[in-house]
Amino acid sequence: MADDKQTITIDGTDYNLADLSENARSQVVNLRVTDAEIEKLNQQLAIYQTARTAYARVLSEELPKAKH
């Protein structure tokens, strides 16, 4: 059962989801899905950046040491 008192805040204003048009509620869903995907991509980016740092560190250790 859906909660008819569910609200969303947009630009500092609270809106009751039940009072929004079907199209507006659809856009809220689209925003939520998009935000979730952006968060997922940010997490993947953090993983790749960590891996890249590790690979660069290993490469640095494998390079011949410069003679001074």
N, C-alpha and C. Protein backbone atom coordinates (compact mmCIF):
# COMPACT_ATOMS: atom_id res chain seq x y z
N MET A 1 0.85 -1.18 0.00
CA MET A 1 0.00 0.00 0.00
C MET A 1 0.89 1.24 0.00
N ALA A 2 0.60 2.18 -0.87
CA ALA A 2 1.39 3.41 -0.98
C ALA A 2 1.01 4.36 0.15
N ASP A 3 2.00 5.13 0.58
CA ASP A 3 1.78 6.14 1.62
C ASP A 3 1.36 7.44 0.95
N ASP A 4 0.09 7.85 1.15
CA ASP A 4 -0.43 9.06 0.51
C ASP A 4 0.20 10.34 1.06
N LYS A 5 0.92 10.24 2.19
CA LYS A 5 1.54 11.41 2.81
C LYS A 5 3.01 11.56 2.39
N GLN A 6 3.44 10.78 1.42
CA GLN A 6 4.82 10.84 0.98
C GLN A 6 5.07 12.19 0.30
N THR A 7 6.19 12.82 0.69
CA THR A 7 6.51 14.13 0.12
C THR A 7 7.89 14.11 -0.52
N ILE A 8 8.11 15.10 -1.34
CA ILE A 8 9.41 15.31 -1.97
C ILE A 8 9.71 16.80 -1.88
N THR A 9 10.98 17.11 -1.68
CA THR A 9 11.40 18.52 -1.60
C THR A 9 12.13 18.87 -2.88
N ILE A 10 11.65 19.90 -3.55
CA ILE A 10 12.26 20.38 -4.78
C ILE A 10 12.48 21.87 -4.64
N ASP A 11 13.73 22.27 -4.80
CA ASP A 11 14.09 23.69 -4.67
C ASP A 11 13.58 24.30 -3.37
N GLY A 12 13.67 23.52 -2.28
CA GLY A 12 13.29 24.02 -0.97
C GLY A 12 11.80 23.99 -0.66
N THR A 13 10.99 23.49 -1.58
CA THR A 13 9.55 23.42 -1.37
C THR A 13 9.13 21.96 -1.27
N ASP A 14 8.32 21.63 -0.24
CA ASP A 14 7.81 20.27 -0.07
C ASP A 14 6.53 20.09 -0.89
N TYR A 15 6.46 18.94 -1.56
CA TYR A 15 5.28 18.60 -2.35
C TYR A 15 4.78 17.23 -1.92
N ASN A 16 3.48 17.08 -1.78
CA ASN A 16 2.87 15.79 -1.52
C ASN A 16 2.81 15.06 -2.86
N LEU A 17 3.42 13.88 -2.93
CA LEU A 17 3.46 13.15 -4.19
C LEU A 17 2.06 12.86 -4.74
N ALA A 18 1.12 12.61 -3.85
CA ALA A 18 -0.24 12.30 -4.29
C ALA A 18 -0.90 13.49 -4.98
N ASP A 19 -0.41 14.69 -4.71
CA ASP A 19 -0.99 15.89 -5.31
C ASP A 19 -0.39 16.21 -6.68
N LEU A 20 0.69 15.53 -7.04
CA LEU A 20 1.34 15.82 -8.31
C LEU A 20 0.65 15.09 -9.45
N SER A 21 0.80 15.65 -10.64
CA SER A 21 0.24 14.99 -11.83
C SER A 21 0.97 13.67 -12.07
N GLU A 22 0.37 12.82 -12.86
CA GLU A 22 0.99 11.54 -13.20
C GLU A 22 2.34 11.78 -13.88
N ASN A 23 2.40 12.76 -14.76
CA ASN A 23 3.65 13.07 -15.44
C ASN A 23 4.72 13.55 -14.46
N ALA A 24 4.32 14.39 -13.51
CA ALA A 24 5.28 14.88 -12.51
C ALA A 24 5.80 13.72 -11.66
N ARG A 25 4.91 12.81 -11.24
CA ARG A 25 5.36 11.64 -10.47
C ARG A 25 6.29 10.77 -11.29
N SER A 26 6.02 10.66 -12.58
CA SER A 26 6.90 9.90 -13.47
C SER A 26 8.29 10.53 -13.55
N GLN A 27 8.33 11.85 -13.58
CA GLN A 27 9.62 12.54 -13.62
C GLN A 27 10.38 12.37 -12.31
N VAL A 28 9.65 12.31 -11.18
CA VAL A 28 10.29 12.04 -9.89
C VAL A 28 10.94 10.67 -9.92
N VAL A 29 10.24 9.68 -10.45
CA VAL A 29 10.80 8.34 -10.58
C VAL A 29 12.04 8.38 -11.47
N ASN A 30 11.95 9.09 -12.59
CA ASN A 30 13.10 9.20 -13.49
C ASN A 30 14.30 9.83 -12.79
N LEU A 31 14.06 10.86 -12.01
CA LEU A 31 15.14 11.50 -11.26
C LEU A 31 15.76 10.54 -10.25
N ARG A 32 14.93 9.80 -9.56
CA ARG A 32 15.45 8.85 -8.56
C ARG A 32 16.28 7.76 -9.22
N VAL A 33 15.81 7.24 -10.34
CA VAL A 33 16.57 6.21 -11.07
C VAL A 33 17.89 6.79 -11.56
N THR A 34 17.84 7.99 -12.10
CA THR A 34 19.05 8.64 -12.60
C THR A 34 20.03 8.91 -11.47
N ASP A 35 19.55 9.39 -10.33
CA ASP A 35 20.42 9.63 -9.18
C ASP A 35 21.08 8.34 -8.71
N ALA A 36 20.32 7.24 -8.70
CA ALA A 36 20.87 5.94 -8.29
C ALA A 36 21.96 5.49 -9.26
N GLU A 37 21.75 5.70 -10.55
CA GLU A 37 22.75 5.31 -11.54
C GLU A 37 24.01 6.17 -11.42
N ILE A 38 23.83 7.46 -11.17
CA ILE A 38 24.98 8.35 -10.97
C ILE A 38 25.79 7.90 -9.76
N GLU A 39 25.11 7.54 -8.68
CA GLU A 39 25.80 7.05 -7.48
C GLU A 39 26.56 5.76 -7.78
N LYS A 40 25.94 4.87 -8.53
CA LYS A 40 26.60 3.62 -8.92
C LYS A 40 27.85 3.92 -9.75
N LEU A 41 27.74 4.83 -10.69
CA LEU A 41 28.90 5.20 -11.52
C LEU A 41 30.00 5.85 -10.68
N ASN A 42 29.62 6.68 -9.72
CA ASN A 42 30.61 7.31 -8.83
C ASN A 42 31.35 6.25 -8.02
N GLN A 43 30.63 5.23 -7.56
CA GLN A 43 31.26 4.14 -6.82
C GLN A 43 32.22 3.36 -7.73
N GLN A 44 31.81 3.10 -8.96
CA GLN A 44 32.68 2.41 -9.90
C GLN A 44 33.92 3.25 -10.20
N LEU A 45 33.74 4.55 -10.36
CA LEU A 45 34.87 5.44 -10.61
C LEU A 45 35.86 5.39 -9.46
N ALA A 46 35.37 5.38 -8.24
CA ALA A 46 36.25 5.30 -7.07
C ALA A 46 37.04 4.00 -7.09
N ILE A 47 36.39 2.91 -7.47
CA ILE A 47 37.08 1.62 -7.57
C ILE A 47 38.18 1.68 -8.62
N TYR A 48 37.86 2.22 -9.78
CA TYR A 48 38.84 2.31 -10.87
C TYR A 48 40.00 3.24 -10.51
N GLN A 49 39.71 4.34 -9.82
CA GLN A 49 40.77 5.25 -9.42
C GLN A 49 41.70 4.57 -8.40
N THR A 50 41.14 3.79 -7.50
CA THR A 50 41.94 3.06 -6.53
C THR A 50 42.82 2.03 -7.24
N ALA A 51 42.24 1.32 -8.18
CA ALA A 51 43.01 0.33 -8.95
C ALA A 51 44.12 1.00 -9.74
N ARG A 52 43.82 2.12 -10.36
CA ARG A 52 44.83 2.83 -11.15
C ARG A 52 46.01 3.25 -10.26
N THR A 53 45.70 3.75 -9.07
CA THR A 53 46.75 4.15 -8.14
C THR A 53 47.62 2.95 -7.77
N ALA A 54 46.99 1.82 -7.53
CA ALA A 54 47.75 0.61 -7.20
C ALA A 54 48.62 0.17 -8.37
N TYR A 55 48.08 0.19 -9.57
CA TYR A 55 48.86 -0.19 -10.76
C TYR A 55 50.05 0.74 -10.95
N ALA A 56 49.82 2.03 -10.78
CA ALA A 56 50.90 3.01 -10.94
C ALA A 56 51.99 2.79 -9.88
N ARG A 57 51.59 2.44 -8.66
CA ARG A 57 52.57 2.19 -7.60
C ARG A 57 53.41 0.96 -7.93
N VAL A 58 52.76 -0.12 -8.40
CA VAL A 58 53.49 -1.33 -8.79
C VAL A 58 54.43 -1.04 -9.95
N LEU A 59 53.95 -0.28 -10.94
CA LEU A 59 54.80 0.08 -12.07
C LEU A 59 56.02 0.85 -11.59
N SER A 60 55.81 1.80 -10.72
CA SER A 60 56.91 2.60 -10.19
C SER A 60 57.96 1.72 -9.52
N GLU A 61 57.50 0.72 -8.79
CA GLU A 61 58.42 -0.20 -8.12
C GLU A 61 59.18 -1.08 -9.10
N GLU A 62 58.60 -1.32 -10.27
CA GLU A 62 59.22 -2.18 -11.27
C GLU A 62 60.19 -1.44 -12.19
N LEU A 63 60.11 -0.14 -12.21
CA LEU A 63 60.99 0.64 -13.10
C LEU A 63 62.43 0.62 -12.55
N PRO A 64 63.41 0.64 -13.46
CA PRO A 64 64.80 0.69 -13.01
C PRO A 64 65.03 1.99 -12.24
N LYS A 65 65.82 1.88 -11.20
CA LYS A 65 66.12 3.05 -10.39
C LYS A 65 67.15 3.91 -11.12
N ALA A 66 66.94 5.21 -11.09
CA ALA A 66 67.86 6.14 -11.74
C ALA A 66 69.15 6.22 -10.94
N LYS A 67 70.28 6.26 -11.66
CA LYS A 67 71.58 6.40 -11.00
C LYS A 67 71.91 7.87 -10.91
N HIS A 68 72.35 8.31 -9.75
CA HIS A 68 72.70 9.74 -9.57
C HIS A 68 74.18 9.89 -9.50
